[in-house]
C-alpha atoms as a PDB file:
ATOM      1  CA  UNK A   1      81.924  99.862  96.712  1.00  0.00           C
ATOM      2  CA  UNK A   2      78.410 100.086  98.050  1.00  0.00           C
ATOM      3  CA  UNK A   3      76.248  97.195  99.156  1.00  0.00           C
ATOM      4  CA  UNK A   4      77.824  93.867  98.355  1.00  0.00           C
ATOM      5  CA  UNK A   5      75.954  91.151  96.501  1.00  0.00           C
ATOM      6  CA  UNK A   6      75.874  87.885  98.400  1.00  0.00           C
ATOM      7  CA  UNK A   7      74.707  84.430  97.470  1.00  0.00           C
ATOM      8  CA  UNK A   8      73.826  81.647  99.860  1.00  0.00           C
ATOM      9  CA  UNK A   9      75.758  78.394 100.178  1.00  0.00           C
ATOM     10  CA  UNK A  10      74.926  75.461 102.431  1.00  0.00           C
ATOM     11  CA  UNK A  11      77.811  73.880 104.273  1.00  0.00           C
ATOM     12  CA  UNK A  12      77.677  70.702 106.371  1.00  0.00           C
ATOM     13  CA  UNK A  13      79.139  71.505 109.778  1.00  0.00           C
ATOM     14  CA  UNK A  14      80.799  69.179 112.282  1.00  0.00           C
ATOM     15  CA  UNK A  15      77.497  68.456 114.010  1.00  0.00           C
ATOM     16  CA  UNK A  16      76.003  67.137 110.819  1.00  0.00           C
ATOM     17  CA  UNK A  17      73.751  70.159 110.392  1.00  0.00           C
ATOM     18  CA  UNK A  18      73.630  72.446 107.390  1.00  0.00           C
ATOM     19  CA  UNK A  19      74.837  75.975 108.053  1.00  0.00           C
ATOM     20  CA  UNK A  20      73.961  78.924 105.822  1.00  0.00           C
ATOM     21  CA  UNK A  21      77.146  80.553 104.498  1.00  0.00           C
ATOM     22  CA  UNK A  22      77.120  84.049 103.029  1.00  0.00           C
ATOM     23  CA  UNK A  23      79.465  84.104 100.040  1.00  0.00           C
ATOM     24  CA  UNK A  24      80.472  87.288  98.243  1.00  0.00           C
ATOM     25  CA  UNK A  25      79.377  87.556  94.609  1.00  0.00           C
ATOM     26  CA  UNK A  26      80.952  90.905  93.737  1.00  0.00           C
ATOM     27  CA  UNK A  27      83.173  89.341  91.060  1.00  0.00           C
ATOM     28  CA  UNK A  28      80.843  86.779  89.526  1.00  0.00           C
ATOM     29  CA  UNK A  29      79.921  87.419  85.859  1.00  0.00           C
ATOM     30  CA  UNK A  30      81.775  90.741  85.863  1.00  0.00           C
ATOM     31  CA  UNK A  31      84.180  91.750  83.073  1.00  0.00           C
ATOM     32  CA  UNK A  32      87.839  92.399  83.869  1.00  0.00           C
ATOM     33  CA  UNK A  33      90.700  93.590  81.687  1.00  0.00           C
ATOM     34  CA  UNK A  34      94.131  92.439  82.864  1.00  0.00           C
ATOM     35  CA  UNK A  35      97.043  94.331  81.287  1.00  0.00           C
ATOM     36  CA  UNK A  36     100.398  92.647  81.716  1.00  0.00           C
ATOM     37  CA  UNK A  37      98.634  89.301  81.518  1.00  0.00           C
ATOM     38  CA  UNK A  38     101.766  87.313  80.691  1.00  0.00           C
ATOM     39  CA  UNK A  39     103.680  88.458  83.786  1.00  0.00           C
ATOM     40  CA  UNK A  40     103.789  86.758  87.167  1.00  0.00           C
ATOM     41  CA  UNK A  41     101.228  88.907  88.990  1.00  0.00           C
ATOM     42  CA  UNK A  42      99.059  89.290  85.886  1.00  0.00           C
ATOM     43  CA  UNK A  43      98.924  85.527  85.343  1.00  0.00           C
ATOM     44  CA  UNK A  44      98.125  84.924  89.012  1.00  0.00           C
ATOM     45  CA  UNK A  45      95.318  87.485  88.891  1.00  0.00           C
ATOM     46  CA  UNK A  46      93.819  85.827  85.830  1.00  0.00           C
ATOM     47  CA  UNK A  47      93.734  82.415  87.510  1.00  0.00           C
ATOM     48  CA  UNK A  48      92.027  83.772  90.603  1.00  0.00           C
ATOM     49  CA  UNK A  49      89.562  85.917  88.656  1.00  0.00           C
ATOM     50  CA  UNK A  50      88.501  82.945  86.558  1.00  0.00           C
ATOM     51  CA  UNK A  51      87.888  80.955  89.738  1.00  0.00           C
ATOM     52  CA  UNK A  52      85.557  83.789  90.763  1.00  0.00           C
ATOM     53  CA  UNK A  53      83.690  83.344  87.446  1.00  0.00           C
ATOM     54  CA  UNK A  54      84.889  86.650  86.030  1.00  0.00           C
ATOM     55  CA  UNK A  55      84.979  87.197  82.261  1.00  0.00           C
ATOM     56  CA  UNK A  56      88.676  87.976  81.791  1.00  0.00           C
ATOM     57  CA  UNK A  57      90.173  89.917  78.874  1.00  0.00           C
ATOM     58  CA  UNK A  58      93.887  89.111  78.753  1.00  0.00           C
ATOM     59  CA  UNK A  59      96.169  91.774  77.301  1.00  0.00           C
ATOM     60  CA  UNK A  60      99.950  91.931  77.018  1.00  0.00           C
ATOM     61  CA  UNK A  61     102.713  92.742  74.582  1.00  0.00           C
ATOM     62  CA  UNK A  62     102.967  89.041  73.673  1.00  0.00           C
ATOM     63  CA  UNK A  63      99.242  88.426  73.086  1.00  0.00           C
ATOM     64  CA  UNK A  64      98.022  87.825  69.547  1.00  0.00           C
ATOM     65  CA  UNK A  65      94.607  89.232  70.482  1.00  0.00           C
ATOM     66  CA  UNK A  66      94.184  92.296  72.701  1.00  0.00           C
ATOM     67  CA  UNK A  67      97.876  92.968  72.158  1.00  0.00           C
ATOM     68  CA  UNK A  68      99.227  95.969  74.035  1.00  0.00           C
ATOM     69  CA  UNK A  69     102.575  97.651  74.420  1.00  0.00           C
ATOM     70  CA  UNK A  70     101.698 100.052  77.242  1.00  0.00           C
ATOM     71  CA  UNK A  71     104.368 102.482  76.048  1.00  0.00           C
ATOM     72  CA  UNK A  72     102.358 102.988  72.827  1.00  0.00           C
ATOM     73  CA  UNK A  73      99.613 105.631  72.974  1.00  0.00           C
ATOM     74  CA  UNK A  74      98.242 104.348  69.683  1.00  0.00           C
ATOM     75  CA  UNK A  75      97.913 100.789  70.979  1.00  0.00           C
ATOM     76  CA  UNK A  76      96.209 101.907  74.198  1.00  0.00           C
ATOM     77  CA  UNK A  77      93.618 103.852  72.227  1.00  0.00           C
ATOM     78  CA  UNK A  78      93.098 100.967  69.801  1.00  0.00           C
ATOM     79  CA  UNK A  79      92.624  98.478  72.644  1.00  0.00           C
ATOM     80  CA  UNK A  80      90.038 100.708  74.328  1.00  0.00           C
ATOM     81  CA  UNK A  81      88.050 100.963  71.093  1.00  0.00           C
ATOM     82  CA  UNK A  82      88.287  97.207  70.480  1.00  0.00           C
ATOM     83  CA  UNK A  83      87.031  96.357  73.960  1.00  0.00           C
ATOM     84  CA  UNK A  84      84.271  98.961  73.824  1.00  0.00           C
ATOM     85  CA  UNK A  85      83.050  97.537  70.519  1.00  0.00           C
ATOM     86  CA  UNK A  86      83.088  93.978  71.843  1.00  0.00           C
ATOM     87  CA  UNK A  87      82.047  94.363  75.492  1.00  0.00           C
ATOM     88  CA  UNK A  88      80.624  97.903  75.706  1.00  0.00           C
ATOM     89  CA  UNK A  89      81.783  98.301  79.331  1.00  0.00           C
ATOM     90  CA  UNK A  90      84.129  96.682  81.836  1.00  0.00           C
ATOM     91  CA  UNK A  91      83.926  96.357  85.615  1.00  0.00           C
ATOM     92  CA  UNK A  92      87.596  95.925  86.516  1.00  0.00           C
ATOM     93  CA  UNK A  93      90.862  97.164  85.045  1.00  0.00           C
ATOM     94  CA  UNK A  94      94.036  95.579  86.414  1.00  0.00           C
ATOM     95  CA  UNK A  95      97.322  97.061  85.216  1.00  0.00           C
ATOM     96  CA  UNK A  96     100.045  94.590  86.184  1.00  0.00           C
ATOM     97  CA  UNK A  97     102.545  95.834  83.615  1.00  0.00           C
ATOM     98  CA  UNK A  98     105.720  97.644  84.534  1.00  0.00           C
ATOM     99  CA  UNK A  99     109.474  97.762  84.349  1.00  0.00           C
ATOM    100  CA  UNK A 100     112.018  97.615  87.177  1.00  0.00           C
ATOM    101  CA  UNK A 101     115.109  99.788  87.214  1.00  0.00           C
ATOM    102  CA  UNK A 102     118.185  99.861  89.448  1.00  0.00           C
ATOM    103  CA  UNK A 103     121.088 102.038  88.336  1.00  0.00           C
ATOM    104  CA  UNK A 104     123.023 105.107  89.441  1.00  0.00           C
ATOM    105  CA  UNK A 105     121.639 108.308  87.938  1.00  0.00           C
ATOM    106  CA  UNK A 106     124.909 109.480  86.371  1.00  0.00           C
ATOM    107  CA  UNK A 107     125.128 106.264  84.360  1.00  0.00           C
ATOM    108  CA  UNK A 108     121.504 106.420  83.228  1.00  0.00           C
ATOM    109  CA  UNK A 109     120.797 107.417  79.640  1.00  0.00           C
ATOM    110  CA  UNK A 110     117.905 109.690  78.699  1.00  0.00           C
ATOM    111  CA  UNK A 111     116.487 106.817  76.637  1.00  0.00           C
ATOM    112  CA  UNK A 112     116.398 104.629  79.755  1.00  0.00           C
ATOM    113  CA  UNK A 113     114.728 107.402  81.749  1.00  0.00           C
ATOM    114  CA  UNK A 114     112.112 107.894  79.049  1.00  0.00           C
ATOM    115  CA  UNK A 115     111.452 104.149  78.852  1.00  0.00           C
ATOM    116  CA  UNK A 116     110.867 103.760  82.590  1.00  0.00           C
ATOM    117  CA  UNK A 117     108.662 106.857  82.868  1.00  0.00           C
ATOM    118  CA  UNK A 118     106.707 105.955  79.737  1.00  0.00           C
ATOM    119  CA  UNK A 119     105.902 102.411  80.877  1.00  0.00           C
ATOM    120  CA  UNK A 120     105.423 102.915  84.615  1.00  0.00           C
ATOM    121  CA  UNK A 121     103.755 106.335  84.639  1.00  0.00           C
ATOM    122  CA  UNK A 122     102.620 107.784  81.315  1.00  0.00           C
ATOM    123  CA  UNK A 123     101.310 104.453  80.056  1.00  0.00           C
ATOM    124  CA  UNK A 124      99.375 103.939  83.287  1.00  0.00           C
ATOM    125  CA  UNK A 125      97.879 107.438  83.039  1.00  0.00           C
ATOM    126  CA  UNK A 126      96.873 106.963  79.407  1.00  0.00           C
ATOM    127  CA  UNK A 127      95.395 103.541  80.153  1.00  0.00           C
ATOM    128  CA  UNK A 128      93.282 105.044  82.931  1.00  0.00           C
ATOM    129  CA  UNK A 129      92.248 107.979  80.751  1.00  0.00           C
ATOM    130  CA  UNK A 130      91.036 105.781  77.894  1.00  0.00           C
ATOM    131  CA  UNK A 131      89.194 103.238  80.047  1.00  0.00           C
ATOM    132  CA  UNK A 132      87.426 105.515  82.538  1.00  0.00           C
ATOM    133  CA  UNK A 133      84.620 106.107  79.990  1.00  0.00           C
ATOM    134  CA  UNK A 134      84.105 102.327  79.849  1.00  0.00           C
ATOM    135  CA  UNK A 135      83.634 102.037  83.631  1.00  0.00           C
ATOM    136  CA  UNK A 136      80.151 103.630  83.774  1.00  0.00           C
ATOM    137  CA  UNK A 137      81.302 105.759  86.731  1.00  0.00           C
ATOM    138  CA  UNK A 138      81.762 102.604  88.795  1.00  0.00           C
ATOM    139  CA  UNK A 139      83.925  99.539  89.084  1.00  0.00           C
ATOM    140  CA  UNK A 140      87.569  99.289  90.078  1.00  0.00           C
ATOM    141  CA  UNK A 141      90.872 100.353  88.496  1.00  0.00           C
ATOM    142  CA  UNK A 142      94.010  98.758  89.942  1.00  0.00           C
ATOM    143  CA  UNK A 143      97.617  99.749  89.238  1.00  0.00           C
ATOM    144  CA  UNK A 144     100.755  98.038  90.471  1.00  0.00           C
ATOM    145  CA  UNK A 145     102.884 100.415  92.515  1.00  0.00           C
ATOM    146  CA  UNK A 146     105.979  99.864  94.626  1.00  0.00           C
ATOM    147  CA  UNK A 147     107.468 100.534  98.034  1.00  0.00           C
ATOM    148  CA  UNK A 148     109.935 102.711  96.125  1.00  0.00           C
ATOM    149  CA  UNK A 149     107.081 105.092  95.381  1.00  0.00           C
ATOM    150  CA  UNK A 150     105.889 105.657  98.937  1.00  0.00           C
ATOM    151  CA  UNK A 151     108.891 105.152 101.256  1.00  0.00           C
ATOM    152  CA  UNK A 152     112.113 107.019 101.954  1.00  0.00           C
ATOM    153  CA  UNK A 153     114.677 107.147  99.171  1.00  0.00           C
ATOM    154  CA  UNK A 154     117.239 104.473  98.396  1.00  0.00           C
ATOM    155  CA  UNK A 155     120.295 104.825  96.194  1.00  0.00           C
ATOM    156  CA  UNK A 156     120.044 103.689  92.562  1.00  0.00           C
ATOM    157  CA  UNK A 157     116.229 103.855  92.657  1.00  0.00           C
ATOM    158  CA  UNK A 158     115.918 107.529  91.626  1.00  0.00           C
ATOM    159  CA  UNK A 159     114.309 107.044  88.197  1.00  0.00           C
ATOM    160  CA  UNK A 160     112.220 104.041  89.214  1.00  0.00           C
ATOM    161  CA  UNK A 161     111.030 105.832  92.365  1.00  0.00           C
ATOM    162  CA  UNK A 162     110.083 108.896  90.319  1.00  0.00           C
ATOM    163  CA  UNK A 163     107.862 106.759  88.097  1.00  0.00           C
ATOM    164  CA  UNK A 164     106.154 105.053  91.039  1.00  0.00           C
ATOM    165  CA  UNK A 165     105.775 108.195  93.164  1.00  0.00           C
ATOM    166  CA  UNK A 166     104.209 109.872  90.155  1.00  0.00           C
ATOM    167  CA  UNK A 167     101.742 107.005  89.848  1.00  0.00           C
ATOM    168  CA  UNK A 168     100.810 107.281  93.526  1.00  0.00           C
ATOM    169  CA  UNK A 169     100.137 111.010  93.208  1.00  0.00           C
ATOM    170  CA  UNK A 170      98.154 110.501  90.022  1.00  0.00           C
ATOM    171  CA  UNK A 171      95.851 107.924  91.626  1.00  0.00           C
ATOM    172  CA  UNK A 172      95.233 110.071  94.705  1.00  0.00           C
ATOM    173  CA  UNK A 173      94.097 112.941  92.502  1.00  0.00           C
ATOM    174  CA  UNK A 174      92.125 110.989  89.911  1.00  0.00           C
ATOM    175  CA  UNK A 175      90.228 109.211  92.704  1.00  0.00           C
ATOM    176  CA  UNK A 176      88.984 112.631  93.850  1.00  0.00           C
ATOM    177  CA  UNK A 177      88.029 113.540  90.289  1.00  0.00           C
ATOM    178  CA  UNK A 178      86.042 110.339  89.714  1.00  0.00           C
ATOM    179  CA  UNK A 179      84.688 109.340  93.160  1.00  0.00           C
ATOM    180  CA  UNK A 180      82.360 106.713  91.716  1.00  0.00           C
ATOM    181  CA  UNK A 181      85.311 104.567  90.652  1.00  0.00           C
ATOM    182  CA  UNK A 182      87.359 102.553  93.140  1.00  0.00           C
ATOM    183  CA  UNK A 183      91.040 103.332  92.433  1.00  0.00           C
ATOM    184  CA  UNK A 184      93.679 101.086  93.983  1.00  0.00           C
ATOM    185  CA  UNK A 185      97.458 101.403  94.160  1.00  0.00           C
ATOM    186  CA  UNK A 186      98.978  98.038  95.077  1.00  0.00           C
ATOM    187  CA  UNK A 187     102.203  98.452  97.051  1.00  0.00           C
ATOM    188  CA  UNK A 188     103.949  95.095  97.431  1.00  0.00           C
ATOM    189  CA  UNK A 189     107.358  94.490  98.945  1.00  0.00           C
ATOM    190  CA  UNK A 190     109.733  92.037  97.275  1.00  0.00           C
ATOM    191  CA  UNK A 191     107.939  89.751  94.824  1.00  0.00           C
ATOM    192  CA  UNK A 192     109.464  86.793  93.020  1.00  0.00           C
ATOM    193  CA  UNK A 193     108.726  87.813  89.417  1.00  0.00           C
ATOM    194  CA  UNK A 194     110.548  88.195  86.111  1.00  0.00           C
ATOM    195  CA  UNK A 195     110.176  91.991  86.344  1.00  0.00           C
ATOM    196  CA  UNK A 196     112.425  92.041  89.401  1.00  0.00           C
ATOM    197  CA  UNK A 197     114.679  89.329  88.008  1.00  0.00           C
ATOM    198  CA  UNK A 198     115.301  91.196  84.748  1.00  0.00           C
ATOM    199  CA  UNK A 199     115.613  94.734  86.067  1.00  0.00           C
ATOM    200  CA  UNK A 200     117.341  97.316  83.885  1.00  0.00           C
ATOM    201  CA  UNK A 201     120.788  98.142  85.185  1.00  0.00           C
ATOM    202  CA  UNK A 202     122.257  94.673  85.179  1.00  0.00           C
ATOM    203  CA  UNK A 203     121.390  93.941  88.816  1.00  0.00           C
ATOM    204  CA  UNK A 204     118.611  91.545  89.805  1.00  0.00           C
ATOM    205  CA  UNK A 205     116.254  93.240  92.232  1.00  0.00           C
ATOM    206  CA  UNK A 206     115.530  89.803  93.663  1.00  0.00           C
ATOM    207  CA  UNK A 207     119.128  89.655  94.849  1.00  0.00           C
ATOM    208  CA  UNK A 208     118.778  93.067  96.482  1.00  0.00           C
ATOM    209  CA  UNK A 209     115.457  92.116  98.078  1.00  0.00           C
ATOM    210  CA  UNK A 210     116.952  88.937  99.491  1.00  0.00           C
ATOM    211  CA  UNK A 211     119.834  90.903 100.987  1.00  0.00           C
ATOM    212  CA  UNK A 212     117.288  92.898 102.996  1.00  0.00           C
ATOM    213  CA  UNK A 213     114.382  90.524 103.602  1.00  0.00           C
ATOM    214  CA  UNK A 214     114.250  86.868 104.606  1.00  0.00           C
ATOM    215  CA  UNK A 215     111.070  86.218 102.632  1.00  0.00           C
ATOM    216  CA  UNK A 216     109.526  87.254  99.339  1.00  0.00           C
ATOM    217  CA  UNK A 217     105.881  87.226  98.350  1.00  0.00           C
ATOM    218  CA  UNK A 218     104.741  85.118  95.419  1.00  0.00           C
ATOM    219  CA  UNK A 219     102.562  86.467  92.590  1.00  0.00           C
ATOM    220  CA  UNK A 220      99.714  84.324  93.954  1.00  0.00           C
ATOM    221  CA  UNK A 221     100.085  86.009  97.361  1.00  0.00           C
ATOM    222  CA  UNK A 222      99.780  89.427  95.739  1.00  0.00           C
ATOM    223  CA  UNK A 223      96.796  88.426  93.585  1.00  0.00           C
ATOM    224  CA  UNK A 224      94.942  87.048  96.604  1.00  0.00           C
ATOM    225  CA  UNK A 225      95.649  90.212  98.563  1.00  0.00           C
ATOM    226  CA  UNK A 226      94.401  92.429  95.739  1.00  0.00           C
ATOM    227  CA  UNK A 227      91.063  90.630  95.423  1.00  0.00           C
ATOM    228  CA  UNK A 228      90.581  90.538  99.199  1.00  0.00           C
ATOM    229  CA  UNK A 229      91.242  94.270  99.401  1.00  0.00           C
ATOM    230  CA  UNK A 230      88.751  95.020  96.641  1.00  0.00           C
ATOM    231  CA  UNK A 231      86.054  93.426  98.797  1.00  0.00           C
ATOM    232  CA  UNK A 232      87.082  95.205 101.998  1.00  0.00           C
ATOM    233  CA  UNK A 233      88.827  98.385 100.844  1.00  0.00           C
ATOM    234  CA  UNK A 234      88.713 101.675 102.747  1.00  0.00           C
ATOM    235  CA  UNK A 235      88.964 105.110 101.125  1.00  0.00           C
ATOM    236  CA  UNK A 236      92.779 105.166 100.871  1.00  0.00           C
ATOM    237  CA  UNK A 237      93.871 104.376  97.299  1.00  0.00           C
ATOM    238  CA  UNK A 238      96.983 102.620  98.623  1.00  0.00           C
ATOM    239  CA  UNK A 239      96.754  98.997  99.762  1.00  0.00           C
ATOM    240  CA  UNK A 240      99.258  96.528 101.160  1.00  0.00           C
ATOM    241  CA  UNK A 241      98.335  93.182  99.582  1.00  0.00           C
ATOM    242  CA  UNK A 242     100.105  90.966 102.138  1.00  0.00           C
ATOM    243  CA  UNK A 243     101.271  90.996 105.732  1.00  0.00           C
ATOM    244  CA  UNK A 244     104.869  91.066 104.489  1.00  0.00           C
ATOM    245  CA  UNK A 245     104.263  94.199 102.421  1.00  0.00           C
ATOM    246  CA  UNK A 246     102.781  96.067 105.408  1.00  0.00           C
ATOM    247  CA  UNK A 247     105.624  94.946 107.686  1.00  0.00           C
ATOM    248  CA  UNK A 248     108.170  96.025 105.067  1.00  0.00           C
ATOM    249  CA  UNK A 249     106.498  99.431 104.727  1.00  0.00           C
ATOM    250  CA  UNK A 250     106.591  99.944 108.493  1.00  0.00           C
ATOM    251  CA  UNK A 251     110.273  98.973 108.567  1.00  0.00           C
ATOM    252  CA  UNK A 252     111.231 101.243 105.656  1.00  0.00           C
ATOM    253  CA  UNK A 253     109.569 104.243 107.295  1.00  0.00           C
ATOM    254  CA  UNK A 254     111.940 104.101 110.269  1.00  0.00           C
END
């Protein structure tokens, strides 16, 4: 992300002397759009961004202002125009929206397939497409991915995995097309959120996660990991926001 902007803070150390502390200011006074603001990870991101003195635009399907159903092309375009008119540009775009899906393929309807692909993949692509012009060839765009999109296959995840693998491939390519923008694919393991709890298919993904893993990350864990990775990110679009997510990835690759 180039040279970081640092401020100076004085901290009283144990010897009673003041020590100069270098504190990152890369978020302060920046403008961030959070899509999926009412969800667990979206809400956690908003809290942490506000602590960093970021101007946060909160958008979700339940918002009265900046309302967005990410499956609606018309609403995505309208939101981009509204934010451009009000803010001109943004520095961060966080897409924390999504839908979980766990069902055998032969019992999956075409309407369910279309819904998952539209929300998890096409909506994310359209959101990126409409907001890239507002990034001034800089800033950061973050999408929420999944282990299901980067690891070996698991039964009943075929449609969901297709949507998340598509998102991973999209971000790898678009990052090459727009090298001035920092693109991030967040790949958490099991997270205790309503998305997992209310997965399509009648089976809670939280139950499945708990059958495989002793611990789950919280939305706050993921939000903290995302912001830390923005400050220290390498060139790979994929990040593991927590220690648990990296350990889970290593285990699933075996």
